């Protein structure tokens, strides 16, 4: 599946369940393992799990593949591996502590453009 299409499906699935602070990071120049990281916050473990389930459902409905899911037991940090995109769904305290945005940092303008592309803009 085209990376832009997959990215759009992921962002829409997250927005459906009211994810907060959605960030998209292009990692093509940083690693060959995947092309994008999507990070989003949730207000509760229940919402984190619902976000993960919705992403999986929407990707499968579109004919995409879910490689694996980690962290659904606790729901504080759920990782959904879609191959080209890795989705991190986190409670705010966990997200602040691990600060993945800084680890995988790119310029803020680039991240903003990726989010706009995910909306088809």
PDB file of N, CA and C in Angstrom:
ATOM      1  N   UNK A   1       0.840  -1.176   0.000  1.00  0.00           N
ATOM      2  CA  UNK A   1       0.000   0.000   0.000  1.00  0.00           C
ATOM      3  C   UNK A   1       0.885   1.240   0.000  1.00  0.00           C
ATOM      4  N   UNK A   2       0.491   2.240  -0.736  1.00  0.00           N
ATOM      5  CA  UNK A   2       1.211   3.506  -0.816  1.00  0.00           C
ATOM      6  C   UNK A   2       1.334   4.121   0.582  1.00  0.00           C
ATOM      7  N   UNK A   3       2.506   4.633   0.912  1.00  0.00           N
ATOM      8  CA  UNK A   3       2.771   5.180   2.247  1.00  0.00           C
ATOM      9  C   UNK A   3       1.826   6.337   2.574  1.00  0.00           C
ATOM     10  N   UNK A   4       1.526   7.181   1.594  1.00  0.00           N
ATOM     11  CA  UNK A   4       0.622   8.310   1.853  1.00  0.00           C
ATOM     12  C   UNK A   4      -0.794   7.842   2.166  1.00  0.00           C
ATOM     13  N   UNK A   5      -1.235   6.810   1.458  1.00  0.00           N
ATOM     14  CA  UNK A   5      -2.565   6.259   1.713  1.00  0.00           C
ATOM     15  C   UNK A   5      -2.618   5.626   3.100  1.00  0.00           C
ATOM     16  N   UNK A   6      -1.598   4.852   3.441  1.00  0.00           N
ATOM     17  CA  UNK A   6      -1.538   4.218   4.750  1.00  0.00           C
ATOM     18  C   UNK A   6      -1.498   5.271   5.858  1.00  0.00           C
ATOM     19  N   UNK A   7      -0.715   6.302   5.660  1.00  0.00           N
ATOM     20  CA  UNK A   7      -0.603   7.384   6.633  1.00  0.00           C
ATOM     21  C   UNK A   7      -1.957   8.064   6.837  1.00  0.00           C
ATOM     22  N   UNK A   8      -2.669   8.307   5.767  1.00  0.00           N
ATOM     23  CA  UNK A   8      -3.985   8.947   5.850  1.00  0.00           C
ATOM     24  C   UNK A   8      -4.970   8.056   6.616  1.00  0.00           C
ATOM     25  N   UNK A   9      -4.947   6.766   6.350  1.00  0.00           N
ATOM     26  CA  UNK A   9      -5.823   5.821   7.049  1.00  0.00           C
ATOM     27  C   UNK A   9      -5.533   5.845   8.546  1.00  0.00           C
ATOM     28  N   UNK A  10      -4.256   5.837   8.911  1.00  0.00           N
ATOM     29  CA  UNK A  10      -3.857   5.844  10.316  1.00  0.00           C
ATOM     30  C   UNK A  10      -4.344   7.115  11.003  1.00  0.00           C
ATOM     31  N   UNK A  11      -4.094   8.268  10.403  1.00  0.00           N
ATOM     32  CA  UNK A  11      -4.478   9.539  11.020  1.00  0.00           C
ATOM     33  C   UNK A  11      -5.992   9.634  11.164  1.00  0.00           C
ATOM     34  N   UNK A  12      -6.721   9.228  10.142  1.00  0.00           N
ATOM     35  CA  UNK A  12      -8.188   9.263  10.230  1.00  0.00           C
ATOM     36  C   UNK A  12      -8.704   8.320  11.308  1.00  0.00           C
ATOM     37  N   UNK A  13      -8.092   7.147  11.435  1.00  0.00           N
ATOM     38  CA  UNK A  13      -8.489   6.197  12.477  1.00  0.00           C
ATOM     39  C   UNK A  13      -8.239   6.779  13.867  1.00  0.00           C
ATOM     40  N   UNK A  14      -7.136   7.493  14.020  1.00  0.00           N
ATOM     41  CA  UNK A  14      -6.828   8.121  15.303  1.00  0.00           C
ATOM     42  C   UNK A  14      -7.794   9.264  15.599  1.00  0.00           C
ATOM     43  N   UNK A  15      -8.100  10.063  14.589  1.00  0.00           N
ATOM     44  CA  UNK A  15      -9.021  11.177  14.783  1.00  0.00           C
ATOM     45  C   UNK A  15     -10.434  10.693  15.095  1.00  0.00           C
ATOM     46  N   UNK A  16     -10.826   9.541  14.541  1.00  0.00           N
ATOM     47  CA  UNK A  16     -12.147   8.960  14.816  1.00  0.00           C
ATOM     48  C   UNK A  16     -12.364   8.730  16.311  1.00  0.00           C
ATOM     49  N   UNK A  17     -11.308   8.369  17.015  1.00  0.00           N
ATOM     50  CA  UNK A  17     -11.396   8.029  18.435  1.00  0.00           C
ATOM     51  C   UNK A  17     -10.809   9.166  19.288  1.00  0.00           C
ATOM     52  N   UNK A  18     -10.667  10.333  18.693  1.00  0.00           N
ATOM     53  CA  UNK A  18     -10.254  11.556  19.402  1.00  0.00           C
ATOM     54  C   UNK A  18      -8.856  11.497  20.018  1.00  0.00           C
ATOM     55  N   UNK A  19      -7.895  10.967  19.278  1.00  0.00           N
ATOM     56  CA  UNK A  19      -6.500  10.998  19.730  1.00  0.00           C
ATOM     57  C   UNK A  19      -6.054  12.450  19.828  1.00  0.00           C
ATOM     58  N   UNK A  20      -5.114  12.697  20.703  1.00  0.00           N
ATOM     59  CA  UNK A  20      -4.601  14.050  20.898  1.00  0.00           C
ATOM     60  C   UNK A  20      -3.154  14.136  20.436  1.00  0.00           C
ATOM     61  N   UNK A  21      -2.772  15.339  20.020  1.00  0.00           N
ATOM     62  CA  UNK A  21      -1.372  15.650  19.689  1.00  0.00           C
ATOM     63  C   UNK A  21      -0.754  14.634  18.733  1.00  0.00           C
ATOM     64  N   UNK A  22      -1.394  14.416  17.604  1.00  0.00           N
ATOM     65  CA  UNK A  22      -0.895  13.467  16.606  1.00  0.00           C
ATOM     66  C   UNK A  22       0.343  14.063  15.931  1.00  0.00           C
ATOM     67  N   UNK A  23       1.419  13.321  15.958  1.00  0.00           N
ATOM     68  CA  UNK A  23       2.674  13.729  15.320  1.00  0.00           C
ATOM     69  C   UNK A  23       3.071  12.665  14.305  1.00  0.00           C
ATOM     70  N   UNK A  24       3.527  13.111  13.147  1.00  0.00           N
ATOM     71  CA  UNK A  24       4.039  12.200  12.127  1.00  0.00           C
ATOM     72  C   UNK A  24       5.494  12.566  11.878  1.00  0.00           C
ATOM     73  N   UNK A  25       6.357  11.575  11.973  1.00  0.00           N
ATOM     74  CA  UNK A  25       7.787  11.807  11.784  1.00  0.00           C
ATOM     75  C   UNK A  25       8.276  10.950  10.620  1.00  0.00           C
ATOM     76  N   UNK A  26       8.865  11.594   9.638  1.00  0.00           N
ATOM     77  CA  UNK A  26       9.447  10.899   8.493  1.00  0.00           C
ATOM     78  C   UNK A  26      10.814  10.367   8.918  1.00  0.00           C
ATOM     79  N   UNK A  27      10.981   9.068   8.846  1.00  0.00           N
ATOM     80  CA  UNK A  27      12.234   8.444   9.281  1.00  0.00           C
ATOM     81  C   UNK A  27      13.026   7.835   8.125  1.00  0.00           C
ATOM     82  N   UNK A  28      12.661   8.165   6.897  1.00  0.00           N
ATOM     83  CA  UNK A  28      13.311   7.533   5.744  1.00  0.00           C
ATOM     84  C   UNK A  28      14.808   7.794   5.700  1.00  0.00           C
ATOM     85  N   UNK A  29      15.250   8.947   6.203  1.00  0.00           N
ATOM     86  CA  UNK A  29      16.684   9.254   6.188  1.00  0.00           C
ATOM     87  C   UNK A  29      17.387   8.796   7.461  1.00  0.00           C
ATOM     88  N   UNK A  30      16.606   8.274   8.414  1.00  0.00           N
ATOM     89  CA  UNK A  30      17.173   7.874   9.695  1.00  0.00           C
ATOM     90  C   UNK A  30      17.315   6.371   9.866  1.00  0.00           C
ATOM     91  N   UNK A  31      16.421   5.601   9.216  1.00  0.00           N
ATOM     92  CA  UNK A  31      16.445   4.150   9.347  1.00  0.00           C
ATOM     93  C   UNK A  31      15.811   3.515   8.117  1.00  0.00           C
ATOM     94  N   UNK A  32      16.238   2.310   7.822  1.00  0.00           N
ATOM     95  CA  UNK A  32      15.630   1.562   6.714  1.00  0.00           C
ATOM     96  C   UNK A  32      14.522   0.630   7.209  1.00  0.00           C
ATOM     97  N   UNK A  33      14.273   0.618   8.516  1.00  0.00           N
ATOM     98  CA  UNK A  33      13.301  -0.296   9.093  1.00  0.00           C
ATOM     99  C   UNK A  33      11.854   0.098   8.801  1.00  0.00           C
ATOM    100  N   UNK A  34      11.572   1.400   8.774  1.00  0.00           N
ATOM    101  CA  UNK A  34      10.229   1.907   8.512  1.00  0.00           C
ATOM    102  C   UNK A  34      10.345   3.334   8.003  1.00  0.00           C
ATOM    103  N   UNK A  35       9.267   3.834   7.393  1.00  0.00           N
ATOM    104  CA  UNK A  35       9.298   5.164   6.777  1.00  0.00           C
ATOM    105  C   UNK A  35       8.702   6.271   7.640  1.00  0.00           C
ATOM    106  N   UNK A  36       7.782   5.916   8.529  1.00  0.00           N
ATOM    107  CA  UNK A  36       7.118   6.914   9.355  1.00  0.00           C
ATOM    108  C   UNK A  36       6.900   6.369  10.760  1.00  0.00           C
ATOM    109  N   UNK A  37       6.910   7.303  11.706  1.00  0.00           N
ATOM    110  CA  UNK A  37       6.448   7.045  13.057  1.00  0.00           C
ATOM    111  C   UNK A  37       5.272   7.972  13.275  1.00  0.00           C
ATOM    112  N   UNK A  38       4.187   7.430  13.790  1.00  0.00           N
ATOM    113  CA  UNK A  38       3.045   8.244  14.180  1.00  0.00           C
ATOM    114  C   UNK A  38       2.915   8.101  15.687  1.00  0.00           C
ATOM    115  N   UNK A  39       2.850   9.236  16.370  1.00  0.00           N
ATOM    116  CA  UNK A  39       2.728   9.257  17.819  1.00  0.00           C
ATOM    117  C   UNK A  39       1.457  10.021  18.165  1.00  0.00           C
ATOM    118  N   UNK A  40       0.666   9.472  19.087  1.00  0.00           N
ATOM    119  CA  UNK A  40      -0.554  10.140  19.526  1.00  0.00           C
ATOM    120  C   UNK A  40      -0.786   9.861  21.002  1.00  0.00           C
ATOM    121  N   UNK A  41      -1.490  10.767  21.646  1.00  0.00           N
ATOM    122  CA  UNK A  41      -1.811  10.621  23.063  1.00  0.00           C
ATOM    123  C   UNK A  41      -3.277  10.270  23.253  1.00  0.00           C
ATOM    124  N   UNK A  42      -3.534   9.607  24.381  1.00  0.00           N
ATOM    125  CA  UNK A  42      -4.894   9.237  24.768  1.00  0.00           C
ATOM    126  C   UNK A  42      -5.078   9.574  26.242  1.00  0.00           C
ATOM    127  N   UNK A  43      -6.329   9.844  26.626  1.00  0.00           N
ATOM    128  CA  UNK A  43      -6.627  10.255  27.996  1.00  0.00           C
ATOM    129  C   UNK A  43      -6.712   9.097  28.987  1.00  0.00           C
ATOM    130  N   UNK A  44      -6.873   7.876  28.496  1.00  0.00           N
ATOM    131  CA  UNK A  44      -7.040   6.731  29.397  1.00  0.00           C
ATOM    132  C   UNK A  44      -6.512   5.469  28.721  1.00  0.00           C
ATOM    133  N   UNK A  45      -6.325   4.434  29.523  1.00  0.00           N
ATOM    134  CA  UNK A  45      -5.899   3.157  28.945  1.00  0.00           C
ATOM    135  C   UNK A  45      -6.986   2.618  28.023  1.00  0.00           C
ATOM    136  N   UNK A  46      -8.214   2.846  28.386  1.00  0.00           N
ATOM    137  CA  UNK A  46      -9.329   2.400  27.536  1.00  0.00           C
ATOM    138  C   UNK A  46      -9.270   3.070  26.162  1.00  0.00           C
ATOM    139  N   UNK A  47      -8.989   4.372  26.139  1.00  0.00           N
ATOM    140  CA  UNK A  47      -8.899   5.079  24.858  1.00  0.00           C
ATOM    141  C   UNK A  47      -7.676   4.622  24.068  1.00  0.00           C
ATOM    142  N   UNK A  48      -6.571   4.391  24.744  1.00  0.00           N
ATOM    143  CA  UNK A  48      -5.366   3.920  24.063  1.00  0.00           C
ATOM    144  C   UNK A  48      -5.637   2.601  23.355  1.00  0.00           C
ATOM    145  N   UNK A  49      -6.302   1.692  24.040  1.00  0.00           N
ATOM    146  CA  UNK A  49      -6.635   0.399  23.453  1.00  0.00           C
ATOM    147  C   UNK A  49      -7.625   0.549  22.304  1.00  0.00           C
ATOM    148  N   UNK A  50      -8.595   1.456  22.454  1.00  0.00           N
ATOM    149  CA  UNK A  50      -9.573   1.699  21.391  1.00  0.00           C
ATOM    150  C   UNK A  50      -8.904   2.288  20.159  1.00  0.00           C
ATOM    151  N   UNK A  51      -7.956   3.182  20.364  1.00  0.00           N
ATOM    152  CA  UNK A  51      -7.207   3.763  19.240  1.00  0.00           C
ATOM    153  C   UNK A  51      -6.444   2.676  18.490  1.00  0.00           C
ATOM    154  N   UNK A  52      -5.766   1.814  19.229  1.00  0.00           N
ATOM    155  CA  UNK A  52      -4.995   0.732  18.610  1.00  0.00           C
ATOM    156  C   UNK A  52      -5.907  -0.186  17.807  1.00  0.00           C
ATOM    157  N   UNK A  53      -7.049  -0.541  18.382  1.00  0.00           N
ATOM    158  CA  UNK A  53      -7.987  -1.427  17.701  1.00  0.00           C
ATOM    159  C   UNK A  53      -8.538  -0.762  16.441  1.00  0.00           C
ATOM    160  N   UNK A  54      -8.859   0.535  16.512  1.00  0.00           N
ATOM    161  CA  UNK A  54      -9.407   1.233  15.349  1.00  0.00           C
ATOM    162  C   UNK A  54      -8.379   1.341  14.223  1.00  0.00           C
ATOM    163  N   UNK A  55      -7.134   1.615  14.576  1.00  0.00           N
ATOM    164  CA  UNK A  55      -6.071   1.661  13.555  1.00  0.00           C
ATOM    165  C   UNK A  55      -5.972   0.305  12.868  1.00  0.00           C
ATOM    166  N   UNK A  56      -5.931  -0.760  13.651  1.00  0.00           N
ATOM    167  CA  UNK A  56      -5.829  -2.107  13.070  1.00  0.00           C
ATOM    168  C   UNK A  56      -7.016  -2.410  12.161  1.00  0.00           C
ATOM    169  N   UNK A  57      -8.210  -2.114  12.640  1.00  0.00           N
ATOM    170  CA  UNK A  57      -9.418  -2.396  11.856  1.00  0.00           C
ATOM    171  C   UNK A  57      -9.429  -1.636  10.538  1.00  0.00           C
ATOM    172  N   UNK A  58      -9.114  -0.334  10.582  1.00  0.00           N
ATOM    173  CA  UNK A  58      -9.162   0.501   9.377  1.00  0.00           C
ATOM    174  C   UNK A  58      -8.089   0.090   8.369  1.00  0.00           C
ATOM    175  N   UNK A  59      -6.909  -0.266   8.860  1.00  0.00           N
ATOM    176  CA  UNK A  59      -5.836  -0.695   7.963  1.00  0.00           C
ATOM    177  C   UNK A  59      -6.219  -2.013   7.291  1.00  0.00           C
ATOM    178  N   UNK A  60      -6.751  -2.942   8.048  1.00  0.00           N
ATOM    179  CA  UNK A  60      -7.169  -4.228   7.472  1.00  0.00           C
ATOM    180  C   UNK A  60      -8.310  -4.053   6.475  1.00  0.00           C
ATOM    181  N   UNK A  61      -9.281  -3.173   6.804  1.00  0.00           N
ATOM    182  CA  UNK A  61     -10.397  -2.899   5.887  1.00  0.00           C
ATOM    183  C   UNK A  61      -9.904  -2.368   4.547  1.00  0.00           C
ATOM    184  N   UNK A  62      -8.811  -1.613   4.583  1.00  0.00           N
ATOM    185  CA  UNK A  62      -8.247  -1.032   3.364  1.00  0.00           C
ATOM    186  C   UNK A  62      -7.321  -2.002   2.639  1.00  0.00           C
ATOM    187  N   UNK A  63      -7.174  -3.213   3.167  1.00  0.00           N
ATOM    188  CA  UNK A  63      -6.327  -4.210   2.520  1.00  0.00           C
ATOM    189  C   UNK A  63      -4.895  -4.208   3.001  1.00  0.00           C
ATOM    190  N   UNK A  64      -4.606  -3.444   4.061  1.00  0.00           N
ATOM    191  CA  UNK A  64      -3.258  -3.396   4.607  1.00  0.00           C
ATOM    192  C   UNK A  64      -3.023  -4.501   5.612  1.00  0.00           C
ATOM    193  N   UNK A  65      -1.775  -4.609   6.055  1.00  0.00           N
ATOM    194  CA  UNK A  65      -1.377  -5.671   6.973  1.00  0.00           C
ATOM    195  C   UNK A  65      -0.901  -5.084   8.288  1.00  0.00           C
ATOM    196  N   UNK A  66      -1.326  -5.697   9.377  1.00  0.00           N
ATOM    197  CA  UNK A  66      -0.830  -5.352  10.703  1.00  0.00           C
ATOM    198  C   UNK A  66       0.209  -6.410  11.066  1.00  0.00           C
ATOM    199  N   UNK A  67       1.444  -5.983  11.231  1.00  0.00           N
ATOM    200  CA  UNK A  67       2.547  -6.904  11.522  1.00  0.00           C
ATOM    201  C   UNK A  67       2.452  -7.407  12.960  1.00  0.00           C
ATOM    202  N   UNK A  68       2.342  -6.479  13.912  1.00  0.00           N
ATOM    203  CA  UNK A  68       2.220  -6.876  15.313  1.00  0.00           C
ATOM    204  C   UNK A  68       1.683  -5.718  16.152  1.00  0.00           C
ATOM    205  N   UNK A  69       1.267  -6.066  17.351  1.00  0.00           N
ATOM    206  CA  UNK A  69       0.777  -5.081  18.324  1.00  0.00           C
ATOM    207  C   UNK A  69       1.404  -5.425  19.666  1.00  0.00           C
ATOM    208  N   UNK A  70       1.918  -4.408  20.348  1.00  0.00           N
ATOM    209  CA  UNK A  70       2.553  -4.604  21.653  1.00  0.00           C
ATOM    210  C   UNK A  70       1.928  -3.649  22.662  1.00  0.00           C
ATOM    211  N   UNK A  71       1.788  -4.089  23.898  1.00  0.00           N
ATOM    212  CA  UNK A  71       1.375  -3.210  24.989  1.00  0.00           C
ATOM    213  C   UNK A  71      -0.112  -3.117  25.246  1.00  0.00           C
ATOM    214  N   UNK A  72      -0.917  -3.920  24.567  1.00  0.00           N
ATOM    215  CA  UNK A  72      -2.359  -3.832  24.775  1.00  0.00           C
ATOM    216  C   UNK A  72      -2.778  -4.271  26.183  1.00  0.00           C
ATOM    217  N   UNK A  73      -1.976  -5.066  26.838  1.00  0.00           N
ATOM    218  CA  UNK A  73      -2.331  -5.542  28.168  1.00  0.00           C
ATOM    219  C   UNK A  73      -2.458  -4.379  29.154  1.00  0.00           C
ATOM    220  N   UNK A  74      -1.486  -3.489  29.157  1.00  0.00           N
ATOM    221  CA  UNK A  74      -1.520  -2.375  30.114  1.00  0.00           C
ATOM    222  C   UNK A  74      -2.208  -1.146  29.546  1.00  0.00           C
ATOM    223  N   UNK A  75      -2.013  -0.888  28.266  1.00  0.00           N
ATOM    224  CA  UNK A  75      -2.650   0.250  27.630  1.00  0.00           C
ATOM    225  C   UNK A  75      -1.978   1.584  27.877  1.00  0.00           C
ATOM    226  N   UNK A  76      -0.867   1.603  28.595  1.00  0.00           N
ATOM    227  CA  UNK A  76      -0.170   2.870  28.806  1.00  0.00           C
ATOM    228  C   UNK A  76       0.588   3.302  27.553  1.00  0.00           C
ATOM    229  N   UNK A  77       1.114   2.317  26.824  1.00  0.00           N
ATOM    230  CA  UNK A  77       1.838   2.571  25.576  1.00  0.00           C
ATOM    231  C   UNK A  77       1.566   1.380  24.671  1.00  0.00           C
ATOM    232  N   UNK A  78       0.812   1.613  23.614  1.00  0.00           N
ATOM    233  CA  UNK A  78       0.508   0.547  22.666  1.00  0.00           C
ATOM    234  C   UNK A  78       1.205   0.871  21.354  1.00  0.00           C
ATOM    235  N   UNK A  79       1.938  -0.086  20.831  1.00  0.00           N
ATOM    236  CA  UNK A  79       2.647   0.069  19.570  1.00  0.00           C
ATOM    237  C   UNK A  79       1.962  -0.808  18.527  1.00  0.00           C
ATOM    238  N   UNK A  80       1.622  -0.200  17.388  1.00  0.00           N
ATOM    239  CA  UNK A  80       1.029  -0.939  16.277  1.00  0.00           C
ATOM    240  C   UNK A  80       2.016  -0.873  15.113  1.00  0.00           C
ATOM    241  N   UNK A  81       2.567  -2.014  14.741  1.00  0.00           N
ATOM    242  CA  UNK A  81       3.547  -2.102  13.657  1.00  0.00           C
ATOM    243  C   UNK A  81       2.825  -2.426  12.355  1.00  0.00           C
ATOM    244  N   UNK A  82       2.861  -1.474  11.428  1.00  0.00           N
ATOM    245  CA  UNK A  82       2.224  -1.649  10.127  1.00  0.00           C
ATOM    246  C   UNK A  82       3.249  -1.839   9.018  1.00  0.00           C
ATOM    247  N   UNK A  83       4.481  -2.138   9.391  1.00  0.00           N
ATOM    248  CA  UNK A  83       5.539  -2.307   8.408  1.00  0.00           C
ATOM    249  C   UNK A  83       6.189  -0.971   8.078  1.00  0.00           C
ATOM    250  N   UNK A  84       5.618  -0.230   7.146  1.00  0.00           N
ATOM    251  CA  UNK A  84       6.168   1.066   6.749  1.00  0.00           C
ATOM    252  C   UNK A  84       5.905   2.167   7.775  1.00  0.00           C
ATOM    253  N   UNK A  85       4.891   1.963   8.618  1.00  0.00           N
ATOM    254  CA  UNK A  85       4.543   2.933   9.657  1.00  0.00           C
ATOM    255  C   UNK A  85       4.463   2.210  10.993  1.00  0.00           C
ATOM    256  N   UNK A  86       5.058   2.822  12.011  1.00  0.00           N
ATOM    257  CA  UNK A  86       4.948   2.317  13.373  1.00  0.00           C
ATOM    258  C   UNK A  86       4.169   3.367  14.169  1.00  0.00           C
ATOM    259  N   UNK A  87       3.061   2.929  14.767  1.00  0.00           N
ATOM    260  CA  UNK A  87       2.180   3.832  15.496  1.00  0.00           C
ATOM    261  C   UNK A  87       2.395   3.636  16.999  1.00  0.00           C
ATOM    262  N   UNK A  88       2.661   4.745  17.705  1.00  0.00           N
ATOM    263  CA  UNK A  88       2.843   4.730  19.154  1.00  0.00           C
ATOM    264  C   UNK A  88       1.663   5.479  19.772  1.00  0.00           C
ATOM    265  N   UNK A  89       0.872   4.785  20.585  1.00  0.00           N
ATOM    266  CA  UNK A  89      -0.270   5.377  21.273  1.00  0.00           C
ATOM    267  C   UNK A  89       0.055   5.378  22.751  1.00  0.00           C
ATOM    268  N   UNK A  90       0.112   6.585  23.343  1.00  0.00           N
ATOM    269  CA  UNK A  90       0.678   6.695  24.677  1.00  0.00           C
ATOM    270  C   UNK A  90      -0.166   7.564  25.606  1.00  0.00           C
ATOM    271  N   UNK A  91      -0.098   7.227  26.890  1.00  0.00           N
ATOM    272  CA  UNK A  91      -0.630   8.101  27.918  1.00  0.00           C
ATOM    273  C   UNK A  91       0.299   9.325  27.985  1.00  0.00           C
ATOM    274  N   UNK A  92      -0.215  10.508  28.311  1.00  0.00           N
ATOM    275  CA  UNK A  92       0.632  11.715  28.322  1.00  0.00           C
ATOM    276  C   UNK A  92       1.895  11.599  29.178  1.00  0.00           C
ATOM    277  N   UNK A  93       1.804  11.015  30.370  1.00  0.00           N
ATOM    278  CA  UNK A  93       2.986  10.905  31.235  1.00  0.00           C
ATOM    279  C   UNK A  93       4.055  10.023  30.596  1.00  0.00           C
ATOM    280  N   UNK A  94       3.639   8.941  29.978  1.00  0.00           N
ATOM    281  CA  UNK A  94       4.578   8.037  29.308  1.00  0.00           C
ATOM    282  C   UNK A  94       5.198   8.738  28.105  1.00  0.00           C
ATOM    283  N   UNK A  95       4.374   9.448  27.353  1.00  0.00           N
ATOM    284  CA  UNK A  95       4.870  10.167  26.174  1.00  0.00           C
ATOM    285  C   UNK A  95       5.881  11.229  26.574  1.00  0.00           C
ATOM    286  N   UNK A  96       5.601  11.966  27.631  1.00  0.00           N
ATOM    287  CA  UNK A  96       6.552  12.983  28.097  1.00  0.00           C
ATOM    288  C   UNK A  96       7.851  12.365  28.570  1.00  0.00           C
ATOM    289  N   UNK A  97       7.762  11.238  29.262  1.00  0.00           N
ATOM    290  CA  UNK A  97       8.950  10.590  29.800  1.00  0.00           C
ATOM    291  C   UNK A  97       9.871  10.085  28.693  1.00  0.00           C
ATOM    292  N   UNK A  98       9.317   9.381  27.708  1.00  0.00           N
ATOM    293  CA  UNK A  98      10.145   8.792  26.659  1.00  0.00           C
ATOM    294  C   UNK A  98      10.481   9.771  25.544  1.00  0.00           C
ATOM    295  N   UNK A  99       9.662  10.776  25.323  1.00  0.00           N
ATOM    296  CA  UNK A  99       9.925  11.866  24.386  1.00  0.00           C
ATOM    297  C   UNK A  99      10.448  11.370  23.033  1.00  0.00           C
ATOM    298  N   UNK A 100       9.677  10.506  22.406  1.00  0.00           N
ATOM    299  CA  UNK A 100      10.078   9.936  21.116  1.00  0.00           C
ATOM    300  C   UNK A 100      10.276  11.001  20.043  1.00  0.00           C
ATOM    301  N   UNK A 101       9.530  12.082  20.141  1.00  0.00           N
ATOM    302  CA  UNK A 101       9.686  13.147  19.150  1.00  0.00           C
ATOM    303  C   UNK A 101      11.112  13.688  19.127  1.00  0.00           C
ATOM    304  N   UNK A 102      11.723  13.810  20.292  1.00  0.00           N
ATOM    305  CA  UNK A 102      13.101  14.297  20.343  1.00  0.00           C
ATOM    306  C   UNK A 102      14.084  13.247  19.832  1.00  0.00           C
ATOM    307  N   UNK A 103      13.847  11.994  20.165  1.00  0.00           N
ATOM    308  CA  UNK A 103      14.729  10.916  19.711  1.00  0.00           C
ATOM    309  C   UNK A 103      14.726  10.827  18.189  1.00  0.00           C
ATOM    310  N   UNK A 104      13.550  10.932  17.581  1.00  0.00           N
ATOM    311  CA  UNK A 104      13.407  10.817  16.136  1.00  0.00           C
ATOM    312  C   UNK A 104      13.242  12.201  15.502  1.00  0.00           C
ATOM    313  N   UNK A 105      13.833  13.210  16.093  1.00  0.00           N
ATOM    314  CA  UNK A 105      13.545  14.594  15.705  1.00  0.00           C
ATOM    315  C   UNK A 105      13.796  14.884  14.233  1.00  0.00           C
ATOM    316  N   UNK A 106      12.853  15.639  13.706  1.00  0.00           N
ATOM    317  CA  UNK A 106      12.952  16.261  12.395  1.00  0.00           C
ATOM    318  C   UNK A 106      12.483  17.691  12.593  1.00  0.00           C
ATOM    319  N   UNK A 107      12.533  18.487  11.586  1.00  0.00           N
ATOM    320  CA  UNK A 107      12.109  19.870  11.757  1.00  0.00           C
ATOM    321  C   UNK A 107      10.601  19.952  11.946  1.00  0.00           C
ATOM    322  N   UNK A 108      10.119  20.871  12.785  1.00  0.00           N
ATOM    323  CA  UNK A 108       8.680  20.999  13.011  1.00  0.00           C
ATOM    324  C   UNK A 108       7.902  21.273  11.722  1.00  0.00           C
ATOM    325  N   UNK A 109       8.474  22.037  10.803  1.00  0.00           N
ATOM    326  CA  UNK A 109       7.780  22.335   9.549  1.00  0.00           C
ATOM    327  C   UNK A 109       7.543  21.056   8.749  1.00  0.00           C
ATOM    328  N   UNK A 110       8.499  20.177   8.752  1.00  0.00           N
ATOM    329  CA  UNK A 110       8.367  18.915   8.030  1.00  0.00           C
ATOM    330  C   UNK A 110       7.259  18.064   8.625  1.00  0.00           C
ATOM    331  N   UNK A 111       7.202  17.991   9.965  1.00  0.00           N
ATOM    332  CA  UNK A 111       6.154  17.215  10.623  1.00  0.00           C
ATOM    333  C   UNK A 111       4.789  17.796  10.304  1.00  0.00           C
ATOM    334  N   UNK A 112       4.679  19.117  10.318  1.00  0.00           N
ATOM    335  CA  UNK A 112       3.410  19.763  10.000  1.00  0.00           C
ATOM    336  C   UNK A 112       2.959  19.454   8.589  1.00  0.00           C
ATOM    337  N   UNK A 113       3.906  19.439   7.653  1.00  0.00           N
ATOM    338  CA  UNK A 113       3.570  19.127   6.265  1.00  0.00           C
ATOM    339  C   UNK A 113       3.092  17.682   6.128  1.00  0.00           C
ATOM    340  N   UNK A 114       3.715  16.756   6.860  1.00  0.00           N
ATOM    341  CA  UNK A 114       3.303  15.362   6.818  1.00  0.00           C
ATOM    342  C   UNK A 114       1.883  15.199   7.349  1.00  0.00           C
ATOM    343  N   UNK A 115       1.538  15.938   8.403  1.00  0.00           N
ATOM    344  CA  UNK A 115       0.189  15.860   8.945  1.00  0.00           C
ATOM    345  C   UNK A 115      -0.819  16.411   7.931  1.00  0.00           C
ATOM    346  N   UNK A 116      -0.460  17.496   7.252  1.00  0.00           N
ATOM    347  CA  UNK A 116      -1.343  18.059   6.218  1.00  0.00           C
ATOM    348  C   UNK A 116      -1.530  17.064   5.065  1.00  0.00           C
ATOM    349  N   UNK A 117      -0.472  16.378   4.679  1.00  0.00           N
ATOM    350  CA  UNK A 117      -0.563  15.365   3.623  1.00  0.00           C
ATOM    351  C   UNK A 117      -1.483  14.231   4.038  1.00  0.00           C
ATOM    352  N   UNK A 118      -1.451  13.879   5.315  1.00  0.00           N
ATOM    353  CA  UNK A 118      -2.298  12.796   5.801  1.00  0.00           C
ATOM    354  C   UNK A 118      -3.771  13.144   5.681  1.00  0.00           C
ATOM    355  N   UNK A 119      -4.066  14.421   5.654  1.00  0.00           N
ATOM    356  CA  UNK A 119      -5.448  14.881   5.492  1.00  0.00           C
ATOM    357  C   UNK A 119      -5.796  15.140   4.033  1.00  0.00           C
ATOM    358  N   UNK A 120      -4.868  14.847   3.142  1.00  0.00           N
ATOM    359  CA  UNK A 120      -5.114  15.034   1.725  1.00  0.00           C
ATOM    360  C   UNK A 120      -5.044  16.486   1.294  1.00  0.00           C
ATOM    361  N   UNK A 121      -4.392  17.313   2.090  1.00  0.00           N
ATOM    362  CA  UNK A 121      -4.286  18.746   1.767  1.00  0.00           C
ATOM    363  C   UNK A 121      -3.101  19.017   0.859  1.00  0.00           C
TER     364      UNK A 121
END
